[in-house]
Amino acid sequence: MIDPFGRAITYLRVSVTDRCDFRCVYCMAEDMTFLPKRDLLTLEELDRLASAFVAKGVRKLRLTGGEPLVRKNIIHLVRSLSRHLQTGALEELTLTTNGSQLARFAGELADCGVKRLNVSLDTLDAAKFKEITRWGELDKVMGGIRAAQAVGLKIKINAVALKGFNDAEIPSMIEWAHGEGLDFTLIETMPMGEIDEDRTDQYLPLRQVREQLSERWTLSDIPYKTGGPARYVEVAETGGRLGFITPMTHNFCESCNRVRVTCTGTLYMCLGQEDAADLRAPLRASEGDELLSDAIDEAIGRKPKGHDFIIDRATRRPSVSRHMSVTGG
């Protein structure tokens, strides 16, 4: 699959549910209205849809949510998709999770051929963790991370940089992660969906964070890539890798190899644009995949060059109306 700008699409992120057992303040409102379950693709349909992308050249598949591990029978889907690892058609099958269910599922994920997970974690302070997630328990997440490490899963910590909340804590979080043998990535908050907070109060440019960290440590750019948009440095003093995902201050669109499918079968060619393609209708219209394949090709043919995220006092509404939990984190 080649888009209009010559970029090969080799990375698919599939949201398996819009539901989550947290209510992170930068992601969703506390009284979220979730999709009716009848609108969601079945696990079998998610398998068939993802497999169609693998047949068309996707080499990396990431399951997301909401929180993917709250989807009933999710391991059945992971186990089924792992057949593409065994054939060599897929290089990597992985998940992004909040870690709340990891203690329960880590062993089965490893058995299915999952080698690596991203865990979203914005603070190591239990009280602040409760504040940012509204419903989460830090001890449960830390136990999940330990359980994942115990079965050999590689963990990357993703933290959203939030002004006035965790900015002072970022260096100690990096030291903790690197001390535990974990990669660590910082992410700028993105203007997606109406929330209860003002994102202009939350937004912290990572250019500023990197400058501050450079006064403390020696940061050296490295070519390491995981298939996603992060740019990595090595921190000489800790010996660990630190990533920066900067959709606001330095977009990464020129090398974008990704598309996202929601749990309802809607394909978004760009995280920061509203243009989308309905894959559920062609998926359900025939037992074969020809209609689905044609719909995918048509959509990839109009993948935009990049996104247009803006956060400032004059732009109070989100750049896109859907929440991150709908698109897939």
C-alpha atoms as a PDB file:
ATOM      1  CA  MET A   1       0.000   0.000   0.000  1.00  0.00           C
ATOM      2  CA  ILE A   2       1.546   3.280  -1.175  1.00  0.00           C
ATOM      3  CA  ASP A   3      -0.106   6.605  -0.371  1.00  0.00           C
ATOM      4  CA  PRO A   4      -0.207   9.666  -2.694  1.00  0.00           C
ATOM      5  CA  PHE A   5       3.082  10.931  -1.245  1.00  0.00           C
ATOM      6  CA  GLY A   6       5.019   7.718  -1.861  1.00  0.00           C
ATOM      7  CA  ARG A   7       4.904   6.493   1.739  1.00  0.00           C
ATOM      8  CA  ALA A   8       4.512   2.741   2.226  1.00  0.00           C
ATOM      9  CA  ILE A   9       1.788   1.919   4.762  1.00  0.00           C
ATOM     10  CA  THR A  10       3.207  -0.908   6.871  1.00  0.00           C
ATOM     11  CA  TYR A  11       1.840  -0.163  10.351  1.00  0.00           C
ATOM     12  CA  LEU A  12      -1.778  -0.621  11.445  1.00  0.00           C
ATOM     13  CA  ARG A  13      -3.227   0.393  14.794  1.00  0.00           C
ATOM     14  CA  VAL A  14      -6.559  -1.252  15.584  1.00  0.00           C
ATOM     15  CA  SER A  15      -8.794  -0.074  18.405  1.00  0.00           C
ATOM     16  CA  VAL A  16     -10.638  -3.080  19.812  1.00  0.00           C
ATOM     17  CA  THR A  17     -12.861  -1.011  22.142  1.00  0.00           C
ATOM     18  CA  ASP A  18     -13.591   2.603  23.019  1.00  0.00           C
ATOM     19  CA  ARG A  19     -14.109   1.602  26.665  1.00  0.00           C
ATOM     20  CA  CYS A  20     -11.535   2.087  29.386  1.00  0.00           C
ATOM     21  CA  ASP A  21     -11.325   1.468  33.117  1.00  0.00           C
ATOM     22  CA  PHE A  22      -9.608   4.866  33.561  1.00  0.00           C
ATOM     23  CA  ARG A  23     -10.890   8.373  32.784  1.00  0.00           C
ATOM     24  CA  CYS A  24      -7.634  10.232  32.148  1.00  0.00           C
ATOM     25  CA  VAL A  25      -8.321  13.964  32.224  1.00  0.00           C
ATOM     26  CA  TYR A  26      -6.523  14.761  28.931  1.00  0.00           C
ATOM     27  CA  CYS A  27      -8.209  11.874  27.087  1.00  0.00           C
ATOM     28  CA  MET A  28     -11.896  11.814  27.992  1.00  0.00           C
ATOM     29  CA  ALA A  29     -14.601  13.344  30.117  1.00  0.00           C
ATOM     30  CA  GLU A  30     -15.531  11.560  33.343  1.00  0.00           C
ATOM     31  CA  ASP A  31     -19.110  10.942  32.223  1.00  0.00           C
ATOM     32  CA  MET A  32     -18.192   9.525  28.813  1.00  0.00           C
ATOM     33  CA  THR A  33     -20.932   8.049  26.653  1.00  0.00           C
ATOM     34  CA  PHE A  34     -19.496   4.965  24.988  1.00  0.00           C
ATOM     35  CA  LEU A  35     -20.593   3.363  21.753  1.00  0.00           C
ATOM     36  CA  PRO A  36     -23.422   0.817  21.856  1.00  0.00           C
ATOM     37  CA  LYS A  37     -21.867  -2.644  21.852  1.00  0.00           C
ATOM     38  CA  ARG A  38     -23.859  -3.547  18.736  1.00  0.00           C
ATOM     39  CA  ASP A  39     -21.847  -0.940  16.790  1.00  0.00           C
ATOM     40  CA  LEU A  40     -18.522  -2.606  17.570  1.00  0.00           C
ATOM     41  CA  LEU A  41     -16.906  -5.102  15.265  1.00  0.00           C
ATOM     42  CA  THR A  42     -16.900  -8.644  16.604  1.00  0.00           C
ATOM     43  CA  LEU A  43     -13.560 -10.236  17.435  1.00  0.00           C
ATOM     44  CA  GLU A  44     -13.899 -12.337  14.290  1.00  0.00           C
ATOM     45  CA  GLU A  45     -14.486  -9.206  12.204  1.00  0.00           C
ATOM     46  CA  LEU A  46     -11.514  -7.461  13.795  1.00  0.00           C
ATOM     47  CA  ASP A  47      -9.396 -10.494  12.925  1.00  0.00           C
ATOM     48  CA  ARG A  48     -10.599 -10.525   9.331  1.00  0.00           C
ATOM     49  CA  LEU A  49     -10.086  -6.791   8.911  1.00  0.00           C
ATOM     50  CA  ALA A  50      -6.584  -6.803  10.393  1.00  0.00           C
ATOM     51  CA  SER A  51      -5.685  -9.857   8.328  1.00  0.00           C
ATOM     52  CA  ALA A  52      -6.756  -8.055   5.144  1.00  0.00           C
ATOM     53  CA  PHE A  53      -4.252  -5.302   5.968  1.00  0.00           C
ATOM     54  CA  VAL A  54      -1.535  -7.875   6.654  1.00  0.00           C
ATOM     55  CA  ALA A  55      -2.227  -9.406   3.237  1.00  0.00           C
ATOM     56  CA  LYS A  56      -1.747  -5.932   1.734  1.00  0.00           C
ATOM     57  CA  GLY A  57       1.668  -5.350   3.308  1.00  0.00           C
ATOM     58  CA  VAL A  58       1.182  -4.321   6.940  1.00  0.00           C
ATOM     59  CA  ARG A  59       4.144  -5.659   8.919  1.00  0.00           C
ATOM     60  CA  LYS A  60       3.392  -4.236  12.358  1.00  0.00           C
ATOM     61  CA  LEU A  61       0.040  -4.495  14.122  1.00  0.00           C
ATOM     62  CA  ARG A  62      -0.786  -2.712  17.366  1.00  0.00           C
ATOM     63  CA  LEU A  63      -3.982  -3.313  19.327  1.00  0.00           C
ATOM     64  CA  THR A  64      -5.245  -0.295  21.231  1.00  0.00           C
ATOM     65  CA  GLY A  65      -8.406   1.062  22.857  1.00  0.00           C
ATOM     66  CA  GLY A  66      -9.710   2.632  25.037  1.00  0.00           C
ATOM     67  CA  GLU A  67      -8.047  -0.065  27.079  1.00  0.00           C
ATOM     68  CA  PRO A  68      -7.692  -3.171  24.883  1.00  0.00           C
ATOM     69  CA  LEU A  69      -7.442  -5.607  27.784  1.00  0.00           C
ATOM     70  CA  VAL A  70     -10.958  -4.752  29.014  1.00  0.00           C
ATOM     71  CA  ARG A  71     -12.438  -6.139  25.776  1.00  0.00           C
ATOM     72  CA  LYS A  72     -14.071  -9.472  26.575  1.00  0.00           C
ATOM     73  CA  ASN A  73     -12.108 -12.468  25.216  1.00  0.00           C
ATOM     74  CA  ILE A  74      -9.341 -10.212  23.883  1.00  0.00           C
ATOM     75  CA  ILE A  75      -6.751 -12.988  24.206  1.00  0.00           C
ATOM     76  CA  HIS A  76      -8.773 -15.029  21.692  1.00  0.00           C
ATOM     77  CA  LEU A  77      -8.163 -12.258  19.131  1.00  0.00           C
ATOM     78  CA  VAL A  78      -4.479 -11.904  20.017  1.00  0.00           C
ATOM     79  CA  ARG A  79      -3.965 -15.663  19.727  1.00  0.00           C
ATOM     80  CA  SER A  80      -5.727 -15.779  16.375  1.00  0.00           C
ATOM     81  CA  LEU A  81      -3.732 -12.862  14.949  1.00  0.00           C
ATOM     82  CA  SER A  82      -0.490 -14.442  16.147  1.00  0.00           C
ATOM     83  CA  ARG A  83      -0.744 -16.901  13.241  1.00  0.00           C
ATOM     84  CA  HIS A  84       0.625 -14.098  11.044  1.00  0.00           C
ATOM     85  CA  LEU A  85       3.741 -14.006  13.234  1.00  0.00           C
ATOM     86  CA  GLN A  86       4.209 -17.726  12.719  1.00  0.00           C
ATOM     87  CA  THR A  87       3.959 -17.421   8.929  1.00  0.00           C
ATOM     88  CA  GLY A  88       6.331 -14.452   8.872  1.00  0.00           C
ATOM     89  CA  ALA A  89       3.731 -12.182   7.254  1.00  0.00           C
ATOM     90  CA  LEU A  90       3.747 -10.007  10.376  1.00  0.00           C
ATOM     91  CA  GLU A  91       6.927  -8.813  12.065  1.00  0.00           C
ATOM     92  CA  GLU A  92       5.351  -7.618  15.291  1.00  0.00           C
ATOM     93  CA  LEU A  93       2.080  -7.882  17.185  1.00  0.00           C
ATOM     94  CA  THR A  94       1.873  -5.552  20.153  1.00  0.00           C
ATOM     95  CA  LEU A  95      -0.467  -3.562  22.398  1.00  0.00           C
ATOM     96  CA  THR A  96      -0.761  -0.196  24.083  1.00  0.00           C
ATOM     97  CA  THR A  97      -2.249  -0.549  27.566  1.00  0.00           C
ATOM     98  CA  ASN A  98      -2.761   1.398  30.776  1.00  0.00           C
ATOM     99  CA  GLY A  99      -1.330  -1.596  32.650  1.00  0.00           C
ATOM    100  CA  SER A 100      -4.339  -2.142  34.899  1.00  0.00           C
ATOM    101  CA  GLN A 101      -4.998  -5.669  33.578  1.00  0.00           C
ATOM    102  CA  LEU A 102      -1.411  -6.707  32.868  1.00  0.00           C
ATOM    103  CA  ALA A 103      -0.948  -8.858  35.964  1.00  0.00           C
ATOM    104  CA  ARG A 104      -3.849 -10.951  34.703  1.00  0.00           C
ATOM    105  CA  PHE A 105      -2.900 -11.203  31.028  1.00  0.00           C
ATOM    106  CA  ALA A 106       0.899 -10.837  30.721  1.00  0.00           C
ATOM    107  CA  GLY A 107       1.609 -14.567  30.571  1.00  0.00           C
ATOM    108  CA  GLU A 108      -0.983 -15.241  27.879  1.00  0.00           C
ATOM    109  CA  LEU A 109       0.215 -12.286  25.802  1.00  0.00           C
ATOM    110  CA  ALA A 110       3.760 -13.651  25.894  1.00  0.00           C
ATOM    111  CA  ASP A 111       2.473 -17.109  24.929  1.00  0.00           C
ATOM    112  CA  CYS A 112       0.806 -15.545  21.890  1.00  0.00           C
ATOM    113  CA  GLY A 113       4.109 -14.184  20.600  1.00  0.00           C
ATOM    114  CA  VAL A 114       3.763 -10.630  21.863  1.00  0.00           C
ATOM    115  CA  LYS A 115       7.271  -9.389  22.646  1.00  0.00           C
ATOM    116  CA  ARG A 116       6.753  -5.744  23.541  1.00  0.00           C
ATOM    117  CA  LEU A 117       4.125  -3.493  25.131  1.00  0.00           C
ATOM    118  CA  ASN A 118       3.604   0.231  25.553  1.00  0.00           C
ATOM    119  CA  VAL A 119       2.292   1.176  28.996  1.00  0.00           C
ATOM    120  CA  SER A 120       0.785   4.630  29.500  1.00  0.00           C
ATOM    121  CA  LEU A 121       1.936   6.085  32.821  1.00  0.00           C
ATOM    122  CA  ASP A 122       2.032   9.821  33.560  1.00  0.00           C
ATOM    123  CA  THR A 123       3.204   9.946  37.177  1.00  0.00           C
ATOM    124  CA  LEU A 124       4.773   7.794  39.885  1.00  0.00           C
ATOM    125  CA  ASP A 125       2.929   9.637  42.651  1.00  0.00           C
ATOM    126  CA  ALA A 126      -0.063   7.537  43.778  1.00  0.00           C
ATOM    127  CA  ALA A 127      -2.224  10.539  44.675  1.00  0.00           C
ATOM    128  CA  LYS A 128      -1.454  12.346  41.423  1.00  0.00           C
ATOM    129  CA  PHE A 129      -2.043   9.098  39.510  1.00  0.00           C
ATOM    130  CA  LYS A 130      -5.527   8.905  41.013  1.00  0.00           C
ATOM    131  CA  GLU A 131      -6.078  12.544  40.094  1.00  0.00           C
ATOM    132  CA  ILE A 132      -5.004  12.187  36.449  1.00  0.00           C
ATOM    133  CA  THR A 133      -6.749   8.854  35.798  1.00  0.00           C
ATOM    134  CA  ARG A 134      -9.726   9.560  38.087  1.00  0.00           C
ATOM    135  CA  TRP A 135     -10.305   5.807  38.564  1.00  0.00           C
ATOM    136  CA  GLY A 136      -6.845   4.213  38.407  1.00  0.00           C
ATOM    137  CA  GLU A 137      -4.652   2.640  41.093  1.00  0.00           C
ATOM    138  CA  LEU A 138      -0.896   3.050  40.696  1.00  0.00           C
ATOM    139  CA  ASP A 139      -0.025  -0.109  42.663  1.00  0.00           C
ATOM    140  CA  LYS A 140      -2.075  -2.204  40.254  1.00  0.00           C
ATOM    141  CA  VAL A 141      -0.271  -0.746  37.241  1.00  0.00           C
ATOM    142  CA  MET A 142       3.172  -1.219  38.802  1.00  0.00           C
ATOM    143  CA  GLY A 143       2.268  -4.830  39.592  1.00  0.00           C
ATOM    144  CA  GLY A 144       1.241  -5.296  35.989  1.00  0.00           C
ATOM    145  CA  ILE A 145       4.546  -3.924  34.726  1.00  0.00           C
ATOM    146  CA  ARG A 146       6.452  -6.313  37.021  1.00  0.00           C
ATOM    147  CA  ALA A 147       4.318  -9.243  35.828  1.00  0.00           C
ATOM    148  CA  ALA A 148       5.035  -8.359  32.198  1.00  0.00           C
ATOM    149  CA  GLN A 149       8.774  -8.116  32.854  1.00  0.00           C
ATOM    150  CA  ALA A 150       8.694 -11.464  34.669  1.00  0.00           C
ATOM    151  CA  VAL A 151       7.477 -13.226  31.518  1.00  0.00           C
ATOM    152  CA  GLY A 152      10.031 -11.492  29.303  1.00  0.00           C
ATOM    153  CA  LEU A 153       7.922  -8.738  27.765  1.00  0.00           C
ATOM    154  CA  LYS A 154       9.807  -5.553  26.859  1.00  0.00           C
ATOM    155  CA  ILE A 155       8.064  -2.473  28.218  1.00  0.00           C
ATOM    156  CA  LYS A 156       8.125   1.096  26.957  1.00  0.00           C
ATOM    157  CA  ILE A 157       6.582   3.717  29.228  1.00  0.00           C
ATOM    158  CA  ASN A 158       4.582   6.448  27.491  1.00  0.00           C
ATOM    159  CA  ALA A 159       3.987   9.642  29.466  1.00  0.00           C
ATOM    160  CA  VAL A 160       1.999  12.651  28.307  1.00  0.00           C
ATOM    161  CA  ALA A 161       3.867  15.802  29.331  1.00  0.00           C
ATOM    162  CA  LEU A 162       1.438  18.065  31.181  1.00  0.00           C
ATOM    163  CA  LYS A 163       2.340  21.554  32.343  1.00  0.00           C
ATOM    164  CA  GLY A 164       1.861  22.055  36.058  1.00  0.00           C
ATOM    165  CA  PHE A 165       1.165  18.383  36.648  1.00  0.00           C
ATOM    166  CA  ASN A 166       4.134  16.136  35.890  1.00  0.00           C
ATOM    167  CA  ASP A 167       6.702  18.513  34.379  1.00  0.00           C
ATOM    168  CA  ALA A 168       8.803  18.616  37.550  1.00  0.00           C
ATOM    169  CA  GLU A 169       8.598  14.835  37.850  1.00  0.00           C
ATOM    170  CA  ILE A 170       9.830  13.994  34.355  1.00  0.00           C
ATOM    171  CA  PRO A 171      13.545  13.573  35.265  1.00  0.00           C
ATOM    172  CA  SER A 172      12.785  11.227  38.170  1.00  0.00           C
ATOM    173  CA  MET A 173      10.408   9.189  35.998  1.00  0.00           C
ATOM    174  CA  ILE A 174      13.110   8.791  33.371  1.00  0.00           C
ATOM    175  CA  GLU A 175      15.615   7.708  36.039  1.00  0.00           C
ATOM    176  CA  TRP A 176      13.116   5.183  37.404  1.00  0.00           C
ATOM    177  CA  ALA A 177      12.301   3.740  33.971  1.00  0.00           C
ATOM    178  CA  HIS A 178      15.918   3.449  32.882  1.00  0.00           C
ATOM    179  CA  GLY A 179      16.828   1.949  36.235  1.00  0.00           C
ATOM    180  CA  GLU A 180      14.215  -0.754  35.599  1.00  0.00           C
ATOM    181  CA  GLY A 181      15.473  -1.393  32.062  1.00  0.00           C
ATOM    182  CA  LEU A 182      12.455   0.312  30.479  1.00  0.00           C
ATOM    183  CA  ASP A 183      12.442   2.690  27.524  1.00  0.00           C
ATOM    184  CA  PHE A 184      10.646   5.969  28.187  1.00  0.00           C
ATOM    185  CA  THR A 185       8.780   8.213  25.736  1.00  0.00           C
ATOM    186  CA  LEU A 186       7.285  11.655  26.286  1.00  0.00           C
ATOM    187  CA  ILE A 187       4.230  12.734  24.285  1.00  0.00           C
ATOM    188  CA  GLU A 188       2.760  16.195  23.729  1.00  0.00           C
ATOM    189  CA  THR A 189      -0.942  16.447  24.546  1.00  0.00           C
ATOM    190  CA  MET A 190      -3.122  16.520  21.417  1.00  0.00           C
ATOM    191  CA  PRO A 191      -6.348  18.496  20.778  1.00  0.00           C
ATOM    192  CA  MET A 192      -8.730  15.567  20.313  1.00  0.00           C
ATOM    193  CA  GLY A 193     -12.289  15.506  21.660  1.00  0.00           C
ATOM    194  CA  GLU A 194     -14.047  17.654  24.232  1.00  0.00           C
ATOM    195  CA  ILE A 195     -12.733  17.098  27.760  1.00  0.00           C
ATOM    196  CA  ASP A 196     -13.374  18.735  31.138  1.00  0.00           C
ATOM    197  CA  GLU A 197     -10.031  20.563  31.089  1.00  0.00           C
ATOM    198  CA  ASP A 198      -8.513  23.431  29.061  1.00  0.00           C
ATOM    199  CA  ARG A 199      -5.716  22.010  26.940  1.00  0.00           C
ATOM    200  CA  THR A 200      -3.986  25.369  26.734  1.00  0.00           C
ATOM    201  CA  ASP A 201      -3.352  24.973  30.455  1.00  0.00           C
ATOM    202  CA  GLN A 202      -2.025  21.428  29.937  1.00  0.00           C
ATOM    203  CA  TYR A 203       0.163  21.890  26.867  1.00  0.00           C
ATOM    204  CA  LEU A 204       3.902  21.560  27.439  1.00  0.00           C
ATOM    205  CA  PRO A 205       6.147  21.814  24.340  1.00  0.00           C
ATOM    206  CA  LEU A 206       8.676  18.980  24.326  1.00  0.00           C
ATOM    207  CA  ARG A 207      11.284  21.257  22.747  1.00  0.00           C
ATOM    208  CA  GLN A 208      11.307  23.082  26.082  1.00  0.00           C
ATOM    209  CA  VAL A 209      11.466  19.803  28.040  1.00  0.00           C
ATOM    210  CA  ARG A 210      14.390  18.556  25.968  1.00  0.00           C
ATOM    211  CA  GLU A 211      16.304  21.809  26.549  1.00  0.00           C
ATOM    212  CA  GLN A 212      15.809  21.442  30.298  1.00  0.00           C
ATOM    213  CA  LEU A 213      16.868  17.792  30.278  1.00  0.00           C
ATOM    214  CA  SER A 214      19.965  18.694  28.231  1.00  0.00           C
ATOM    215  CA  GLU A 215      21.100  20.966  31.048  1.00  0.00           C
ATOM    216  CA  ARG A 216      20.975  17.947  33.360  1.00  0.00           C
ATOM    217  CA  TRP A 217      22.127  15.071  31.124  1.00  0.00           C
ATOM    218  CA  THR A 218      23.953  14.314  27.890  1.00  0.00           C
ATOM    219  CA  LEU A 219      21.364  13.513  25.206  1.00  0.00           C
ATOM    220  CA  SER A 220      22.605  12.001  21.945  1.00  0.00           C
ATOM    221  CA  ASP A 221      20.355  11.459  18.933  1.00  0.00           C
ATOM    222  CA  ILE A 222      20.211   7.821  17.853  1.00  0.00           C
ATOM    223  CA  PRO A 223      18.613   6.196  14.780  1.00  0.00           C
ATOM    224  CA  TYR A 224      16.573   3.708  16.851  1.00  0.00           C
ATOM    225  CA  LYS A 225      12.991   3.271  15.576  1.00  0.00           C
ATOM    226  CA  THR A 226      10.056   1.142  16.682  1.00  0.00           C
ATOM    227  CA  GLY A 227       7.873   1.873  13.668  1.00  0.00           C
ATOM    228  CA  GLY A 228       6.063   4.748  15.358  1.00  0.00           C
ATOM    229  CA  PRO A 229       6.608   8.533  15.334  1.00  0.00           C
ATOM    230  CA  ALA A 230       9.017   8.832  18.270  1.00  0.00           C
ATOM    231  CA  ARG A 231      12.470  10.322  17.798  1.00  0.00           C
ATOM    232  CA  TYR A 232      14.954   8.783  20.220  1.00  0.00           C
ATOM    233  CA  VAL A 233      17.993   9.917  22.151  1.00  0.00           C
ATOM    234  CA  GLU A 234      20.304   8.018  24.437  1.00  0.00           C
ATOM    235  CA  VAL A 235      20.837   9.448  27.905  1.00  0.00           C
ATOM    236  CA  ALA A 236      24.533   8.956  28.671  1.00  0.00           C
ATOM    237  CA  GLU A 237      24.156   9.182  32.442  1.00  0.00           C
ATOM    238  CA  THR A 238      21.363   6.572  32.679  1.00  0.00           C
ATOM    239  CA  GLY A 239      22.282   4.422  29.678  1.00  0.00           C
ATOM    240  CA  GLY A 240      18.630   4.339  28.609  1.00  0.00           C
ATOM    241  CA  ARG A 241      16.595   5.397  25.587  1.00  0.00           C
ATOM    242  CA  LEU A 242      14.320   8.426  25.693  1.00  0.00           C
ATOM    243  CA  GLY A 243      11.749   9.133  22.981  1.00  0.00           C
ATOM    244  CA  PHE A 244       9.925  12.314  22.027  1.00  0.00           C
ATOM    245  CA  ILE A 245       6.572  12.298  20.196  1.00  0.00           C
ATOM    246  CA  THR A 246       5.934  15.876  19.065  1.00  0.00           C
ATOM    247  CA  PRO A 247       2.718  16.258  17.049  1.00  0.00           C
ATOM    248  CA  MET A 248       2.526  19.924  18.010  1.00  0.00           C
ATOM    249  CA  THR A 249       6.053  21.379  17.924  1.00  0.00           C
ATOM    250  CA  HIS A 250       7.578  19.188  15.203  1.00  0.00           C
ATOM    251  CA  ASN A 251       5.193  16.984  13.327  1.00  0.00           C
ATOM    252  CA  PHE A 252       6.411  13.652  12.036  1.00  0.00           C
ATOM    253  CA  CYS A 253       4.162  13.402   8.993  1.00  0.00           C
ATOM    254  CA  GLU A 254       6.870  13.228   6.325  1.00  0.00           C
ATOM    255  CA  SER A 255       7.667   9.629   7.305  1.00  0.00           C
ATOM    256  CA  CYS A 256       4.159   8.512   8.328  1.00  0.00           C
ATOM    257  CA  ASN A 257       3.657   4.807   7.645  1.00  0.00           C
ATOM    258  CA  ARG A 258       0.532   4.402   9.806  1.00  0.00           C
ATOM    259  CA  VAL A 259      -3.219   4.180   9.565  1.00  0.00           C
ATOM    260  CA  ARG A 260      -5.783   3.521  12.304  1.00  0.00           C
ATOM    261  CA  VAL A 261      -8.984   1.520  12.403  1.00  0.00           C
ATOM    262  CA  THR A 262     -11.569   2.109  15.102  1.00  0.00           C
ATOM    263  CA  CYS A 263     -13.531  -0.560  16.913  1.00  0.00           C
ATOM    264  CA  THR A 264     -16.475   0.206  14.595  1.00  0.00           C
ATOM    265  CA  GLY A 265     -14.440  -0.421  11.447  1.00  0.00           C
ATOM    266  CA  THR A 266     -13.786   3.209  10.519  1.00  0.00           C
ATOM    267  CA  LEU A 267     -10.392   3.763   8.902  1.00  0.00           C
ATOM    268  CA  TYR A 268      -8.642   7.041   9.678  1.00  0.00           C
ATOM    269  CA  MET A 269      -5.771   7.708   7.314  1.00  0.00           C
ATOM    270  CA  CYS A 270      -4.489  10.470   9.628  1.00  0.00           C
ATOM    271  CA  LEU A 271      -4.888  10.838  13.398  1.00  0.00           C
ATOM    272  CA  GLY A 272      -5.316  14.606  13.073  1.00  0.00           C
ATOM    273  CA  GLN A 273      -7.820  14.754  10.209  1.00  0.00           C
ATOM    274  CA  GLU A 274     -11.530  13.949  10.090  1.00  0.00           C
ATOM    275  CA  ASP A 275     -11.473  12.203   6.696  1.00  0.00           C
ATOM    276  CA  ALA A 276     -12.293   8.528   7.127  1.00  0.00           C
ATOM    277  CA  ALA A 277     -13.492   5.417   5.309  1.00  0.00           C
ATOM    278  CA  ASP A 278     -16.148   2.962   6.434  1.00  0.00           C
ATOM    279  CA  LEU A 279     -14.719  -0.560   6.285  1.00  0.00           C
ATOM    280  CA  ARG A 280     -17.525  -2.196   8.243  1.00  0.00           C
ATOM    281  CA  ALA A 281     -19.992  -2.074   5.346  1.00  0.00           C
ATOM    282  CA  PRO A 282     -17.738  -3.797   2.780  1.00  0.00           C
ATOM    283  CA  LEU A 283     -16.544  -6.188   5.486  1.00  0.00           C
ATOM    284  CA  ARG A 284     -20.115  -7.306   6.147  1.00  0.00           C
ATOM    285  CA  ALA A 285     -21.324  -7.128   2.542  1.00  0.00           C
ATOM    286  CA  SER A 286     -19.491 -10.246   1.427  1.00  0.00           C
ATOM    287  CA  GLU A 287     -17.811 -13.318   2.850  1.00  0.00           C
ATOM    288  CA  GLY A 288     -14.848 -12.622   0.589  1.00  0.00           C
ATOM    289  CA  ASP A 289     -12.414  -9.743   1.052  1.00  0.00           C
ATOM    290  CA  GLU A 290     -12.486  -8.204  -2.422  1.00  0.00           C
ATOM    291  CA  LEU A 291     -14.853  -5.348  -1.478  1.00  0.00           C
ATOM    292  CA  LEU A 292     -12.871  -4.733   1.711  1.00  0.00           C
ATOM    293  CA  SER A 293      -9.595  -4.690  -0.204  1.00  0.00           C
ATOM    294  CA  ASP A 294     -10.973  -2.195  -2.732  1.00  0.00           C
ATOM    295  CA  ALA A 295     -12.239   0.065   0.066  1.00  0.00           C
ATOM    296  CA  ILE A 296      -8.813   0.014   1.731  1.00  0.00           C
ATOM    297  CA  ASP A 297      -7.083   0.891  -1.549  1.00  0.00           C
ATOM    298  CA  GLU A 298      -9.467   3.787  -2.181  1.00  0.00           C
ATOM    299  CA  ALA A 299      -8.860   5.172   1.313  1.00  0.00           C
ATOM    300  CA  ILE A 300      -5.073   4.887   1.187  1.00  0.00           C
ATOM    301  CA  GLY A 301      -5.263   6.765  -2.103  1.00  0.00           C
ATOM    302  CA  ARG A 302      -6.471   9.853  -0.256  1.00  0.00           C
ATOM    303  CA  LYS A 303      -4.213   9.736   2.804  1.00  0.00           C
ATOM    304  CA  PRO A 304      -3.283  13.379   3.510  1.00  0.00           C
ATOM    305  CA  LYS A 305       0.225  14.728   3.746  1.00  0.00           C
ATOM    306  CA  GLY A 306      -0.129  15.581   7.437  1.00  0.00           C
ATOM    307  CA  HIS A 307      -2.178  16.873  10.348  1.00  0.00           C
ATOM    308  CA  ASP A 308      -2.961  20.411  11.457  1.00  0.00           C
ATOM    309  CA  PHE A 309      -3.033  20.267  15.259  1.00  0.00           C
ATOM    310  CA  ILE A 310      -3.238  23.639  17.032  1.00  0.00           C
ATOM    311  CA  ILE A 311      -3.410  24.445  20.737  1.00  0.00           C
ATOM    312  CA  ASP A 312      -3.687  28.097  21.683  1.00  0.00           C
ATOM    313  CA  ARG A 313      -6.013  30.507  23.467  1.00  0.00           C
ATOM    314  CA  ALA A 314      -7.709  31.520  20.207  1.00  0.00           C
ATOM    315  CA  THR A 315      -8.437  27.924  19.202  1.00  0.00           C
ATOM    316  CA  ARG A 316     -10.545  26.655  22.040  1.00  0.00           C
ATOM    317  CA  ARG A 317     -12.217  23.732  20.272  1.00  0.00           C
ATOM    318  CA  PRO A 318     -10.377  20.457  19.596  1.00  0.00           C
ATOM    319  CA  SER A 319      -8.773  20.029  16.170  1.00  0.00           C
ATOM    320  CA  VAL A 320     -10.822  16.866  15.714  1.00  0.00           C
ATOM    321  CA  SER A 321     -14.071  16.128  17.501  1.00  0.00           C
ATOM    322  CA  ARG A 322     -13.519  12.441  18.252  1.00  0.00           C
ATOM    323  CA  HIS A 323     -11.780  11.346  21.442  1.00  0.00           C
ATOM    324  CA  MET A 324      -8.462   9.525  21.341  1.00  0.00           C
ATOM    325  CA  SER A 325     -10.197   6.544  22.940  1.00  0.00           C
ATOM    326  CA  VAL A 326     -12.407   6.230  19.862  1.00  0.00           C
ATOM    327  CA  THR A 327      -9.594   6.430  17.324  1.00  0.00           C
ATOM    328  CA  GLY A 328      -7.216   4.245  19.273  1.00  0.00           C
ATOM    329  CA  GLY A 329      -4.387   5.504  21.479  1.00  0.00           C
END
